[in-house]
Amino acid sequence: EEPLKHDLFLDAGGMILPDATYYDEEDEAAQNSMTALKAYLKNISMYTGYSEEEAHHSANRTVEIEMALAQFMYDEPIVKLENSYVHMNLTELEAHAPNIPWAKYFGGIEGGCQDEGVTCLSDMDGARK
């Protein structure tokens, strides 16, 4: 129950920036977000071996595609982080999203933690069903 401390975020994927408002060409904050996104995309493209020119083109094209897709997005509702906490135990997760192998997923995390000699998922023991 501490969303500022613990967070497991699962999403179906989609846009890089959170919602369509970040792609509004007439909004200064959105322009700043897109500029930062282009710089980030250019940098990671150059790390993968693109030339600076190729990386620049790739970043600009990616943002163009994102802007086109953003036209079909719904804006995310604004919810205070403190109100976004939804607690589910393993049984509830399996009922809510039955196509995800939750026991295997959490078992893999737990096994990885043990391999590394760290404690994780310790608070889940009381919530497992």
Foldseek 3Di string as FASTA:
>chain_A
DDLVVDDDDDDPDDAPDQALVLLDPVDPNSVVVLVVQLVVQLVVVVVVPDDSVRSNVVSVVSSVVNNVVRVVTDHDDDDPSVVPDDDDAPVRVCVVPVVDPVVVVVVVVCVVCVVVVHDPPPVRPVRYD
